[in-house]
Amino acid sequence: MDTDFWDQRYEGRKYIYGVEPNSFLTRQRHRLERGQSVLAVADGEGRNGVWLAGQGLRVHAVDQSAVGLQKAMRLALDRGVTLRTTCADLTAWDWPEAAVDAVVCIFLHLRPEHRALVHRAMARALKPGGVLILEAFHPAQLGYATGGPPVAEMLYDPETLRADFEGLLDIDLLEDGVVDLDEGPQHGGRGHTTRLVGTRRRS
């Protein structure tokens, strides 16, 4: 799923994943404080980054699709919030280190040769005590037709995520289960996801 794939997917004025935030993210709102800095990873058309900005957070959205980020900026303008954006390949980006209070990663799926490296870069981007909020499709999602890559190796179970973040995060929540998706025309209906909340270790 290269840049051309996502640019073509995001073409047009319609927001293919909707304009409302991910429901798991909204349930973690209590972990975030106004004024904190947040890195919204693979934020696409901006629904999550714009919502976070509306909660009074300072949001830096990063995505490989310039088309998606243009729509994110339009959504931010419509909602009257400020959003900083960077167009970058996450596998080659010069990630910040110990720089942000939170990282939000919703439905980013990477191939095995990149997955752990990018996940660990996300964790290292956190200040000590910073929080990572992540949701991705579980391998059982292959039994549903409601979104996500149709490739088992790009889907994550809890054991995979625990191993990726070992030594960097204290795991506050790690679970998987069946959920009802209502996130635009590309993510709607019953699905199976894995969810993680972790805190960057202070030492």
N, C-alpha and C. Protein backbone atom coordinates (compact mmCIF):
# COMPACT_ATOMS: atom_id res chain seq x y z
N MET A 1 0.85 -1.18 0.00
CA MET A 1 0.00 0.00 0.00
C MET A 1 0.89 1.24 0.00
N ASP A 2 1.32 1.66 -1.19
CA ASP A 2 2.25 2.75 -1.31
C ASP A 2 1.53 4.09 -1.36
N THR A 3 2.31 5.15 -1.54
CA THR A 3 1.75 6.50 -1.53
C THR A 3 0.70 6.68 -2.62
N ASP A 4 0.96 6.17 -3.82
CA ASP A 4 -0.01 6.30 -4.91
C ASP A 4 -1.34 5.65 -4.54
N PHE A 5 -1.27 4.49 -3.89
CA PHE A 5 -2.50 3.80 -3.46
C PHE A 5 -3.34 4.71 -2.57
N TRP A 6 -2.68 5.33 -1.56
CA TRP A 6 -3.44 6.15 -0.62
C TRP A 6 -3.88 7.47 -1.24
N ASP A 7 -3.05 8.05 -2.09
CA ASP A 7 -3.47 9.28 -2.77
C ASP A 7 -4.74 9.03 -3.59
N GLN A 8 -4.76 7.92 -4.31
CA GLN A 8 -5.94 7.60 -5.11
C GLN A 8 -7.15 7.30 -4.23
N ARG A 9 -6.91 6.64 -3.12
CA ARG A 9 -8.01 6.28 -2.21
C ARG A 9 -8.65 7.52 -1.60
N TYR A 10 -7.82 8.53 -1.33
CA TYR A 10 -8.33 9.75 -0.68
C TYR A 10 -8.83 10.81 -1.67
N GLU A 11 -8.72 10.56 -2.96
CA GLU A 11 -9.18 11.54 -3.94
C GLU A 11 -10.68 11.79 -3.77
N GLY A 12 -11.09 13.02 -4.11
CA GLY A 12 -12.50 13.37 -3.99
C GLY A 12 -12.79 14.04 -2.67
N ARG A 13 -13.94 14.65 -2.56
CA ARG A 13 -14.28 15.41 -1.36
C ARG A 13 -14.82 14.52 -0.24
N LYS A 14 -15.29 13.34 -0.58
CA LYS A 14 -15.85 12.45 0.43
C LYS A 14 -14.74 11.92 1.34
N TYR A 15 -15.02 11.90 2.65
CA TYR A 15 -14.08 11.36 3.63
C TYR A 15 -14.38 9.87 3.79
N ILE A 16 -13.48 9.03 3.26
CA ILE A 16 -13.82 7.62 3.15
C ILE A 16 -13.87 6.91 4.51
N TYR A 17 -13.22 7.47 5.53
CA TYR A 17 -13.32 6.92 6.88
C TYR A 17 -14.14 7.83 7.79
N GLY A 18 -14.90 8.74 7.18
CA GLY A 18 -15.74 9.64 7.95
C GLY A 18 -14.96 10.79 8.55
N VAL A 19 -15.67 11.63 9.28
CA VAL A 19 -15.05 12.80 9.90
C VAL A 19 -15.12 12.74 11.43
N GLU A 20 -15.68 11.67 11.95
CA GLU A 20 -15.77 11.53 13.41
C GLU A 20 -14.61 10.66 13.91
N PRO A 21 -14.18 10.88 15.15
CA PRO A 21 -13.00 10.16 15.66
C PRO A 21 -13.28 8.69 15.92
N ASN A 22 -12.23 7.94 15.98
CA ASN A 22 -12.28 6.53 16.37
C ASN A 22 -12.85 6.39 17.78
N SER A 23 -13.75 5.43 17.97
CA SER A 23 -14.44 5.32 19.25
C SER A 23 -13.51 4.87 20.38
N PHE A 24 -12.54 4.01 20.09
CA PHE A 24 -11.59 3.61 21.13
C PHE A 24 -10.78 4.82 21.59
N LEU A 25 -10.37 5.65 20.66
CA LEU A 25 -9.64 6.87 21.02
C LEU A 25 -10.47 7.76 21.93
N THR A 26 -11.72 7.96 21.60
CA THR A 26 -12.53 8.87 22.43
C THR A 26 -12.70 8.32 23.84
N ARG A 27 -12.69 7.01 23.98
CA ARG A 27 -12.82 6.43 25.33
C ARG A 27 -11.55 6.60 26.15
N GLN A 28 -10.44 6.95 25.50
CA GLN A 28 -9.18 7.18 26.21
C GLN A 28 -8.94 8.67 26.48
N ARG A 29 -9.94 9.49 26.26
CA ARG A 29 -9.79 10.94 26.43
C ARG A 29 -9.26 11.30 27.81
N HIS A 30 -9.64 10.54 28.83
CA HIS A 30 -9.24 10.87 30.21
C HIS A 30 -7.73 10.75 30.42
N ARG A 31 -7.03 10.11 29.51
CA ARG A 31 -5.58 9.95 29.63
C ARG A 31 -4.81 11.16 29.09
N LEU A 32 -5.52 12.10 28.47
CA LEU A 32 -4.90 13.24 27.80
C LEU A 32 -5.32 14.53 28.49
N GLU A 33 -4.39 15.50 28.53
CA GLU A 33 -4.68 16.78 29.16
C GLU A 33 -4.56 17.90 28.14
N ARG A 34 -5.41 18.90 28.29
CA ARG A 34 -5.36 20.06 27.40
C ARG A 34 -3.96 20.65 27.38
N GLY A 35 -3.52 21.05 26.20
CA GLY A 35 -2.20 21.65 26.06
C GLY A 35 -1.09 20.66 25.80
N GLN A 36 -1.36 19.36 25.95
CA GLN A 36 -0.33 18.37 25.68
C GLN A 36 -0.07 18.26 24.17
N SER A 37 1.12 17.77 23.85
CA SER A 37 1.50 17.55 22.45
C SER A 37 1.19 16.11 22.06
N VAL A 38 0.61 15.95 20.86
CA VAL A 38 0.22 14.63 20.39
C VAL A 38 0.73 14.42 18.97
N LEU A 39 1.32 13.27 18.73
CA LEU A 39 1.71 12.85 17.39
C LEU A 39 0.65 11.88 16.89
N ALA A 40 -0.08 12.29 15.85
CA ALA A 40 -1.13 11.44 15.26
C ALA A 40 -0.52 10.74 14.05
N VAL A 41 -0.22 9.47 14.20
CA VAL A 41 0.53 8.69 13.21
C VAL A 41 -0.42 8.09 12.17
N ALA A 42 -0.06 8.23 10.89
CA ALA A 42 -0.89 7.71 9.79
C ALA A 42 -2.32 8.25 9.93
N ASP A 43 -2.43 9.55 10.05
CA ASP A 43 -3.72 10.18 10.38
C ASP A 43 -4.61 10.38 9.16
N GLY A 44 -4.12 10.08 7.97
CA GLY A 44 -4.97 10.10 6.79
C GLY A 44 -5.69 11.41 6.57
N GLU A 45 -7.02 11.33 6.50
CA GLU A 45 -7.85 12.51 6.24
C GLU A 45 -8.11 13.36 7.48
N GLY A 46 -7.55 12.96 8.61
CA GLY A 46 -7.52 13.85 9.76
C GLY A 46 -8.60 13.73 10.79
N ARG A 47 -9.47 12.74 10.70
CA ARG A 47 -10.59 12.70 11.64
C ARG A 47 -10.14 12.62 13.09
N ASN A 48 -9.08 11.86 13.36
CA ASN A 48 -8.62 11.73 14.74
C ASN A 48 -7.79 12.93 15.18
N GLY A 49 -6.89 13.39 14.32
CA GLY A 49 -6.08 14.55 14.67
C GLY A 49 -6.92 15.80 14.89
N VAL A 50 -7.91 16.00 14.05
CA VAL A 50 -8.77 17.17 14.19
C VAL A 50 -9.59 17.07 15.49
N TRP A 51 -10.07 15.89 15.80
CA TRP A 51 -10.80 15.73 17.07
C TRP A 51 -9.88 16.03 18.26
N LEU A 52 -8.67 15.52 18.21
CA LEU A 52 -7.73 15.78 19.30
C LEU A 52 -7.45 17.27 19.44
N ALA A 53 -7.28 17.96 18.31
CA ALA A 53 -7.07 19.42 18.37
C ALA A 53 -8.27 20.11 18.98
N GLY A 54 -9.46 19.60 18.69
CA GLY A 54 -10.67 20.17 19.28
C GLY A 54 -10.78 19.96 20.77
N GLN A 55 -9.99 19.01 21.30
CA GLN A 55 -9.95 18.77 22.75
C GLN A 55 -8.91 19.65 23.44
N GLY A 56 -8.28 20.54 22.67
CA GLY A 56 -7.31 21.45 23.24
C GLY A 56 -5.88 20.93 23.25
N LEU A 57 -5.62 19.90 22.45
CA LEU A 57 -4.27 19.34 22.36
C LEU A 57 -3.53 19.93 21.16
N ARG A 58 -2.20 19.93 21.24
CA ARG A 58 -1.35 20.42 20.14
C ARG A 58 -0.98 19.21 19.28
N VAL A 59 -1.51 19.17 18.08
CA VAL A 59 -1.47 17.95 17.28
C VAL A 59 -0.56 18.10 16.07
N HIS A 60 0.32 17.12 15.89
CA HIS A 60 1.16 16.99 14.71
C HIS A 60 0.73 15.70 14.01
N ALA A 61 0.09 15.83 12.85
CA ALA A 61 -0.39 14.67 12.09
C ALA A 61 0.63 14.32 11.01
N VAL A 62 0.98 13.04 10.94
CA VAL A 62 1.96 12.56 9.96
C VAL A 62 1.31 11.47 9.12
N ASP A 63 1.46 11.58 7.80
CA ASP A 63 0.90 10.58 6.91
C ASP A 63 1.69 10.60 5.61
N GLN A 64 1.69 9.49 4.88
CA GLN A 64 2.43 9.42 3.62
C GLN A 64 1.66 10.03 2.45
N SER A 65 0.37 10.34 2.64
CA SER A 65 -0.45 10.85 1.55
C SER A 65 -0.66 12.35 1.66
N ALA A 66 -0.12 13.10 0.72
CA ALA A 66 -0.36 14.54 0.68
C ALA A 66 -1.83 14.84 0.43
N VAL A 67 -2.50 13.98 -0.35
CA VAL A 67 -3.93 14.17 -0.63
C VAL A 67 -4.74 14.04 0.66
N GLY A 68 -4.44 13.02 1.45
CA GLY A 68 -5.12 12.86 2.72
C GLY A 68 -4.89 14.03 3.65
N LEU A 69 -3.66 14.51 3.74
CA LEU A 69 -3.35 15.62 4.64
C LEU A 69 -4.00 16.92 4.18
N GLN A 70 -4.17 17.11 2.88
CA GLN A 70 -4.90 18.29 2.40
C GLN A 70 -6.34 18.26 2.89
N LYS A 71 -6.95 17.08 2.87
CA LYS A 71 -8.31 16.95 3.39
C LYS A 71 -8.34 17.14 4.90
N ALA A 72 -7.29 16.69 5.58
CA ALA A 72 -7.20 16.91 7.03
C ALA A 72 -7.15 18.40 7.35
N MET A 73 -6.39 19.16 6.58
CA MET A 73 -6.31 20.59 6.80
C MET A 73 -7.65 21.27 6.51
N ARG A 74 -8.36 20.78 5.51
CA ARG A 74 -9.68 21.33 5.21
C ARG A 74 -10.65 21.04 6.36
N LEU A 75 -10.59 19.83 6.90
CA LEU A 75 -11.45 19.48 8.03
C LEU A 75 -11.11 20.33 9.25
N ALA A 76 -9.80 20.54 9.49
CA ALA A 76 -9.39 21.39 10.61
C ALA A 76 -9.93 22.81 10.45
N LEU A 77 -9.86 23.33 9.23
CA LEU A 77 -10.39 24.67 8.97
C LEU A 77 -11.88 24.71 9.22
N ASP A 78 -12.59 23.69 8.75
CA ASP A 78 -14.04 23.63 8.97
C ASP A 78 -14.39 23.59 10.45
N ARG A 79 -13.55 22.91 11.25
CA ARG A 79 -13.82 22.75 12.68
C ARG A 79 -13.20 23.88 13.51
N GLY A 80 -12.44 24.76 12.88
CA GLY A 80 -11.87 25.90 13.59
C GLY A 80 -10.75 25.53 14.53
N VAL A 81 -9.94 24.53 14.14
CA VAL A 81 -8.82 24.11 15.00
C VAL A 81 -7.52 24.17 14.19
N THR A 82 -6.41 24.13 14.93
CA THR A 82 -5.09 24.18 14.32
C THR A 82 -4.49 22.78 14.26
N LEU A 83 -3.95 22.42 13.11
CA LEU A 83 -3.35 21.11 12.91
C LEU A 83 -2.03 21.30 12.16
N ARG A 84 -0.96 20.77 12.71
CA ARG A 84 0.33 20.74 12.01
C ARG A 84 0.43 19.42 11.27
N THR A 85 0.89 19.45 10.02
CA THR A 85 0.97 18.21 9.25
C THR A 85 2.37 18.03 8.65
N THR A 86 2.74 16.76 8.49
CA THR A 86 3.96 16.39 7.79
C THR A 86 3.65 15.21 6.88
N CYS A 87 4.05 15.31 5.61
CA CYS A 87 3.90 14.21 4.67
C CYS A 87 5.21 13.43 4.66
N ALA A 88 5.15 12.17 5.08
CA ALA A 88 6.39 11.39 5.21
C ALA A 88 6.08 9.90 5.16
N ASP A 89 7.03 9.15 4.67
CA ASP A 89 7.02 7.70 4.75
C ASP A 89 7.47 7.33 6.17
N LEU A 90 6.60 6.72 6.94
CA LEU A 90 6.90 6.43 8.34
C LEU A 90 8.07 5.47 8.50
N THR A 91 8.35 4.69 7.48
CA THR A 91 9.47 3.75 7.58
C THR A 91 10.82 4.42 7.36
N ALA A 92 10.80 5.66 6.84
CA ALA A 92 12.05 6.38 6.57
C ALA A 92 12.11 7.73 7.27
N TRP A 93 11.07 8.12 7.95
CA TRP A 93 10.97 9.43 8.59
C TRP A 93 12.00 9.55 9.72
N ASP A 94 12.51 10.76 9.92
CA ASP A 94 13.41 11.06 11.04
C ASP A 94 12.54 11.33 12.27
N TRP A 95 12.22 10.27 12.99
CA TRP A 95 11.29 10.35 14.11
C TRP A 95 11.86 11.21 15.25
N PRO A 96 11.01 11.99 15.91
CA PRO A 96 11.47 12.69 17.11
C PRO A 96 11.70 11.69 18.24
N GLU A 97 12.47 12.08 19.23
CA GLU A 97 12.72 11.22 20.38
C GLU A 97 12.42 11.98 21.66
N ALA A 98 11.68 11.32 22.56
CA ALA A 98 11.32 11.89 23.86
C ALA A 98 10.76 13.30 23.70
N ALA A 99 9.84 13.48 22.74
CA ALA A 99 9.41 14.82 22.35
C ALA A 99 7.94 15.11 22.56
N VAL A 100 7.08 14.10 22.66
CA VAL A 100 5.63 14.35 22.71
C VAL A 100 5.02 13.67 23.92
N ASP A 101 3.86 14.19 24.32
CA ASP A 101 3.15 13.64 25.47
C ASP A 101 2.32 12.41 25.13
N ALA A 102 1.93 12.31 23.87
CA ALA A 102 1.10 11.17 23.45
C ALA A 102 1.33 10.87 21.97
N VAL A 103 1.18 9.60 21.65
CA VAL A 103 1.16 9.15 20.25
C VAL A 103 -0.15 8.39 20.06
N VAL A 104 -0.85 8.73 18.99
CA VAL A 104 -2.10 8.06 18.65
C VAL A 104 -1.91 7.38 17.30
N CYS A 105 -2.19 6.09 17.25
CA CYS A 105 -2.01 5.31 16.04
C CYS A 105 -3.24 4.43 15.84
N ILE A 106 -4.08 4.79 14.87
CA ILE A 106 -5.34 4.10 14.64
C ILE A 106 -5.34 3.47 13.25
N PHE A 107 -5.38 2.15 13.23
CA PHE A 107 -5.47 1.37 11.99
C PHE A 107 -4.31 1.63 11.02
N LEU A 108 -3.11 1.61 11.57
CA LEU A 108 -1.90 1.57 10.74
C LEU A 108 -1.44 0.12 10.69
N HIS A 109 -1.27 -0.40 9.47
CA HIS A 109 -0.86 -1.79 9.30
C HIS A 109 0.38 -1.84 8.42
N LEU A 110 1.43 -2.41 8.97
CA LEU A 110 2.73 -2.45 8.30
C LEU A 110 3.17 -3.89 8.06
N ARG A 111 4.01 -4.05 7.06
CA ARG A 111 4.57 -5.37 6.81
C ARG A 111 5.57 -5.73 7.91
N PRO A 112 5.81 -7.01 8.15
CA PRO A 112 6.67 -7.42 9.26
C PRO A 112 8.06 -6.79 9.25
N GLU A 113 8.62 -6.55 8.06
CA GLU A 113 9.97 -5.99 8.03
C GLU A 113 10.02 -4.54 8.51
N HIS A 114 8.86 -3.89 8.60
CA HIS A 114 8.81 -2.50 9.06
C HIS A 114 8.09 -2.34 10.41
N ARG A 115 7.21 -3.27 10.73
CA ARG A 115 6.28 -3.09 11.84
C ARG A 115 6.98 -2.78 13.17
N ALA A 116 7.86 -3.64 13.62
CA ALA A 116 8.47 -3.45 14.94
C ALA A 116 9.32 -2.19 14.97
N LEU A 117 10.03 -1.89 13.89
CA LEU A 117 10.87 -0.69 13.86
C LEU A 117 10.03 0.57 14.00
N VAL A 118 8.91 0.64 13.29
CA VAL A 118 8.04 1.82 13.38
C VAL A 118 7.36 1.88 14.74
N HIS A 119 6.91 0.75 15.26
CA HIS A 119 6.29 0.75 16.58
C HIS A 119 7.27 1.24 17.65
N ARG A 120 8.49 0.80 17.60
CA ARG A 120 9.46 1.22 18.60
C ARG A 120 9.84 2.69 18.42
N ALA A 121 9.83 3.18 17.18
CA ALA A 121 10.05 4.61 16.96
C ALA A 121 8.92 5.43 17.56
N MET A 122 7.69 4.94 17.46
CA MET A 122 6.57 5.63 18.08
C MET A 122 6.75 5.71 19.59
N ALA A 123 7.15 4.60 20.19
CA ALA A 123 7.34 4.58 21.64
C ALA A 123 8.47 5.52 22.06
N ARG A 124 9.55 5.54 21.30
CA ARG A 124 10.68 6.41 21.65
C ARG A 124 10.35 7.89 21.43
N ALA A 125 9.35 8.18 20.60
CA ALA A 125 8.94 9.57 20.41
C ALA A 125 8.29 10.15 21.66
N LEU A 126 7.82 9.29 22.56
CA LEU A 126 7.16 9.73 23.78
C LEU A 126 8.15 10.25 24.81
N LYS A 127 7.74 11.30 25.49
CA LYS A 127 8.46 11.71 26.69
C LYS A 127 8.28 10.61 27.75
N PRO A 128 9.18 10.50 28.72
CA PRO A 128 8.94 9.58 29.83
C PRO A 128 7.59 9.88 30.47
N GLY A 129 6.78 8.85 30.66
CA GLY A 129 5.43 9.03 31.19
C GLY A 129 4.39 9.32 30.13
N GLY A 130 4.82 9.51 28.88
CA GLY A 130 3.88 9.74 27.79
C GLY A 130 3.09 8.49 27.44
N VAL A 131 1.95 8.67 26.77
CA VAL A 131 1.03 7.56 26.52
C VAL A 131 0.89 7.27 25.03
N LEU A 132 0.85 5.99 24.70
CA LEU A 132 0.58 5.53 23.35
C LEU A 132 -0.82 4.91 23.33
N ILE A 133 -1.63 5.31 22.37
CA ILE A 133 -2.98 4.78 22.18
C ILE A 133 -3.03 4.19 20.78
N LEU A 134 -3.31 2.89 20.68
CA LEU A 134 -3.22 2.20 19.40
C LEU A 134 -4.39 1.24 19.24
N GLU A 135 -4.98 1.24 18.04
CA GLU A 135 -5.94 0.20 17.66
C GLU A 135 -5.61 -0.26 16.25
N ALA A 136 -5.65 -1.58 16.04
CA ALA A 136 -5.38 -2.16 14.73
C ALA A 136 -6.23 -3.41 14.57
N PHE A 137 -6.33 -3.87 13.35
CA PHE A 137 -7.10 -5.08 13.11
C PHE A 137 -6.31 -6.32 13.52
N HIS A 138 -7.04 -7.25 14.12
CA HIS A 138 -6.54 -8.55 14.57
C HIS A 138 -6.58 -9.52 13.38
N PRO A 139 -5.74 -10.57 13.37
CA PRO A 139 -5.81 -11.55 12.27
C PRO A 139 -7.20 -12.14 12.05
N ALA A 140 -8.01 -12.20 13.10
CA ALA A 140 -9.38 -12.71 12.94
C ALA A 140 -10.24 -11.79 12.07
N GLN A 141 -9.75 -10.56 11.80
CA GLN A 141 -10.48 -9.66 10.92
C GLN A 141 -10.62 -10.23 9.51
N LEU A 142 -9.78 -11.16 9.15
CA LEU A 142 -9.89 -11.78 7.83
C LEU A 142 -11.23 -12.48 7.63
N GLY A 143 -11.89 -12.80 8.71
CA GLY A 143 -13.21 -13.42 8.62
C GLY A 143 -14.34 -12.43 8.43
N TYR A 144 -14.00 -11.15 8.40
CA TYR A 144 -15.00 -10.09 8.23
C TYR A 144 -14.68 -9.31 6.95
N ALA A 145 -15.63 -8.63 6.42
CA ALA A 145 -15.41 -7.83 5.21
C ALA A 145 -15.63 -6.36 5.52
N THR A 146 -14.99 -5.89 6.59
CA THR A 146 -15.28 -4.55 7.09
C THR A 146 -14.05 -3.67 7.20
N GLY A 147 -12.98 -4.01 6.48
CA GLY A 147 -11.82 -3.13 6.48
C GLY A 147 -10.54 -3.84 6.83
N GLY A 148 -9.44 -3.13 6.59
CA GLY A 148 -8.12 -3.66 6.90
C GLY A 148 -7.52 -4.42 5.74
N PRO A 149 -6.20 -4.57 5.72
CA PRO A 149 -5.55 -5.29 4.63
C PRO A 149 -5.89 -6.78 4.68
N PRO A 150 -6.13 -7.39 3.53
CA PRO A 150 -6.48 -8.82 3.49
C PRO A 150 -5.25 -9.71 3.55
N VAL A 151 -4.31 -9.36 4.42
CA VAL A 151 -3.03 -10.06 4.52
C VAL A 151 -2.76 -10.33 5.99
N ALA A 152 -2.71 -11.58 6.38
CA ALA A 152 -2.58 -11.93 7.80
C ALA A 152 -1.34 -11.32 8.44
N GLU A 153 -0.23 -11.27 7.73
CA GLU A 153 1.01 -10.79 8.33
C GLU A 153 0.99 -9.29 8.61
N MET A 154 -0.02 -8.58 8.10
CA MET A 154 -0.15 -7.14 8.37
C MET A 154 -1.19 -6.85 9.44
N LEU A 155 -1.68 -7.89 10.12
CA LEU A 155 -2.68 -7.75 11.18
C LEU A 155 -2.03 -8.18 12.49
N TYR A 156 -2.45 -7.56 13.60
CA TYR A 156 -1.70 -7.70 14.85
C TYR A 156 -2.54 -8.32 15.96
N ASP A 157 -1.98 -9.32 16.62
CA ASP A 157 -2.60 -9.85 17.83
C ASP A 157 -1.88 -9.25 19.05
N PRO A 158 -2.44 -9.42 20.25
CA PRO A 158 -1.82 -8.81 21.43
C PRO A 158 -0.37 -9.25 21.65
N GLU A 159 -0.07 -10.50 21.38
CA GLU A 159 1.29 -10.99 21.63
C GLU A 159 2.30 -10.27 20.73
N THR A 160 1.92 -9.99 19.49
CA THR A 160 2.79 -9.26 18.58
C THR A 160 3.08 -7.87 19.10
N LEU A 161 2.06 -7.18 19.55
CA LEU A 161 2.25 -5.82 20.04
C LEU A 161 3.05 -5.81 21.34
N ARG A 162 2.79 -6.75 22.21
CA ARG A 162 3.56 -6.82 23.47
C ARG A 162 5.04 -6.96 23.17
N ALA A 163 5.38 -7.81 22.21
CA ALA A 163 6.78 -8.02 21.86
C ALA A 163 7.39 -6.78 21.22
N ASP A 164 6.62 -6.08 20.38
CA ASP A 164 7.13 -4.89 19.72
C ASP A 164 7.53 -3.80 20.71
N PHE A 165 6.76 -3.66 21.78
CA PHE A 165 6.98 -2.55 22.72
C PHE A 165 7.72 -2.97 24.00
N GLU A 166 8.17 -4.21 24.03
CA GLU A 166 8.85 -4.71 25.23
C GLU A 166 10.07 -3.86 25.57
N GLY A 167 10.17 -3.50 26.84
CA GLY A 167 11.29 -2.72 27.33
C GLY A 167 11.12 -1.22 27.18
N LEU A 168 10.12 -0.78 26.42
CA LEU A 168 9.89 0.65 26.21
C LEU A 168 8.63 1.15 26.89
N LEU A 169 7.60 0.33 26.91
CA LEU A 169 6.31 0.75 27.46
C LEU A 169 5.90 -0.14 28.62
N ASP A 170 5.25 0.47 29.59
CA ASP A 170 4.47 -0.28 30.56
C ASP A 170 3.06 -0.39 30.00
N ILE A 171 2.57 -1.61 29.85
CA ILE A 171 1.28 -1.83 29.21
C ILE A 171 0.15 -1.60 30.22
N ASP A 172 -0.70 -0.63 29.92
CA ASP A 172 -1.85 -0.34 30.78
C ASP A 172 -3.09 -1.10 30.33
N LEU A 173 -3.19 -1.34 29.02
CA LEU A 173 -4.33 -2.06 28.47
C LEU A 173 -3.86 -2.76 27.20
N LEU A 174 -4.20 -4.04 27.07
CA LEU A 174 -3.89 -4.79 25.86
C LEU A 174 -4.94 -5.87 25.73
N GLU A 175 -5.77 -5.75 24.69
CA GLU A 175 -6.91 -6.65 24.55
C GLU A 175 -7.28 -6.78 23.08
N ASP A 176 -8.04 -7.80 22.77
CA ASP A 176 -8.63 -7.89 21.45
C ASP A 176 -10.06 -8.38 21.60
N GLY A 177 -10.85 -8.13 20.57
CA GLY A 177 -12.22 -8.58 20.62
C GLY A 177 -13.02 -8.07 19.44
N VAL A 178 -14.26 -8.55 19.36
CA VAL A 178 -15.18 -8.15 18.30
C VAL A 178 -15.76 -6.79 18.65
N VAL A 179 -15.81 -5.91 17.65
CA VAL A 179 -16.32 -4.55 17.84
C VAL A 179 -17.27 -4.22 16.70
N ASP A 180 -18.10 -3.21 16.92
CA ASP A 180 -18.96 -2.67 15.88
C ASP A 180 -18.30 -1.41 15.33
N LEU A 181 -17.91 -1.43 14.08
CA LEU A 181 -17.22 -0.33 13.44
C LEU A 181 -18.23 0.61 12.78
N ASP A 182 -18.03 1.90 13.00
CA ASP A 182 -18.87 2.91 12.37
C ASP A 182 -17.98 4.10 12.02
N GLU A 183 -17.10 3.88 11.03
CA GLU A 183 -16.07 4.86 10.71
C GLU A 183 -16.02 5.09 9.21
N GLY A 184 -17.10 5.63 8.67
CA GLY A 184 -17.15 5.91 7.25
C GLY A 184 -17.41 4.66 6.42
N PRO A 185 -17.52 4.82 5.11
CA PRO A 185 -17.89 3.69 4.24
C PRO A 185 -16.86 2.58 4.18
N GLN A 186 -15.60 2.85 4.55
CA GLN A 186 -14.57 1.81 4.47
C GLN A 186 -14.46 0.97 5.74
N HIS A 187 -14.99 1.45 6.85
CA HIS A 187 -14.95 0.70 8.11
C HIS A 187 -16.34 0.73 8.73
N GLY A 188 -17.19 -0.19 8.32
CA GLY A 188 -18.53 -0.24 8.89
C GLY A 188 -18.98 -1.66 9.09
N GLY A 189 -19.57 -1.96 10.26
CA GLY A 189 -20.06 -3.30 10.58
C GLY A 189 -19.21 -3.98 11.64
N ARG A 190 -19.42 -5.25 11.79
CA ARG A 190 -18.71 -6.03 12.80
C ARG A 190 -17.27 -6.29 12.37
N GLY A 191 -16.35 -6.19 13.31
CA GLY A 191 -14.95 -6.45 13.03
C GLY A 191 -14.24 -6.96 14.27
N HIS A 192 -12.96 -7.26 14.14
CA HIS A 192 -12.16 -7.77 15.26
C HIS A 192 -10.87 -6.97 15.33
N THR A 193 -10.65 -6.29 16.43
CA THR A 193 -9.48 -5.42 16.56
C THR A 193 -8.66 -5.78 17.80
N THR A 194 -7.44 -5.27 17.80
CA THR A 194 -6.54 -5.34 18.95
C THR A 194 -6.30 -3.91 19.42
N ARG A 195 -6.36 -3.69 20.73
CA ARG A 195 -6.23 -2.34 21.29
C ARG A 195 -5.15 -2.33 22.38
N LEU A 196 -4.36 -1.27 22.36
CA LEU A 196 -3.26 -1.15 23.33
C LEU A 196 -3.19 0.28 23.85
N VAL A 197 -2.95 0.40 25.14
CA VAL A 197 -2.56 1.66 25.77
C VAL A 197 -1.32 1.38 26.59
N GLY A 198 -0.27 2.13 26.34
CA GLY A 198 0.98 1.93 27.08
C GLY A 198 1.60 3.25 27.48
N THR A 199 2.39 3.23 28.53
CA THR A 199 3.06 4.42 29.06
C THR A 199 4.57 4.26 28.92
N ARG A 200 5.23 5.29 28.39
CA ARG A 200 6.68 5.26 28.22
C ARG A 200 7.36 5.17 29.59
N ARG A 201 8.24 4.23 29.72
CA ARG A 201 8.94 4.03 30.99
C ARG A 201 9.80 5.24 31.32
N ARG A 202 9.89 5.56 32.58
CA ARG A 202 10.63 6.74 33.03
C ARG A 202 12.11 6.45 33.21
N SER A 203 12.49 5.20 33.16
CA SER A 203 13.91 4.89 33.31
C SER A 203 14.25 3.61 32.54
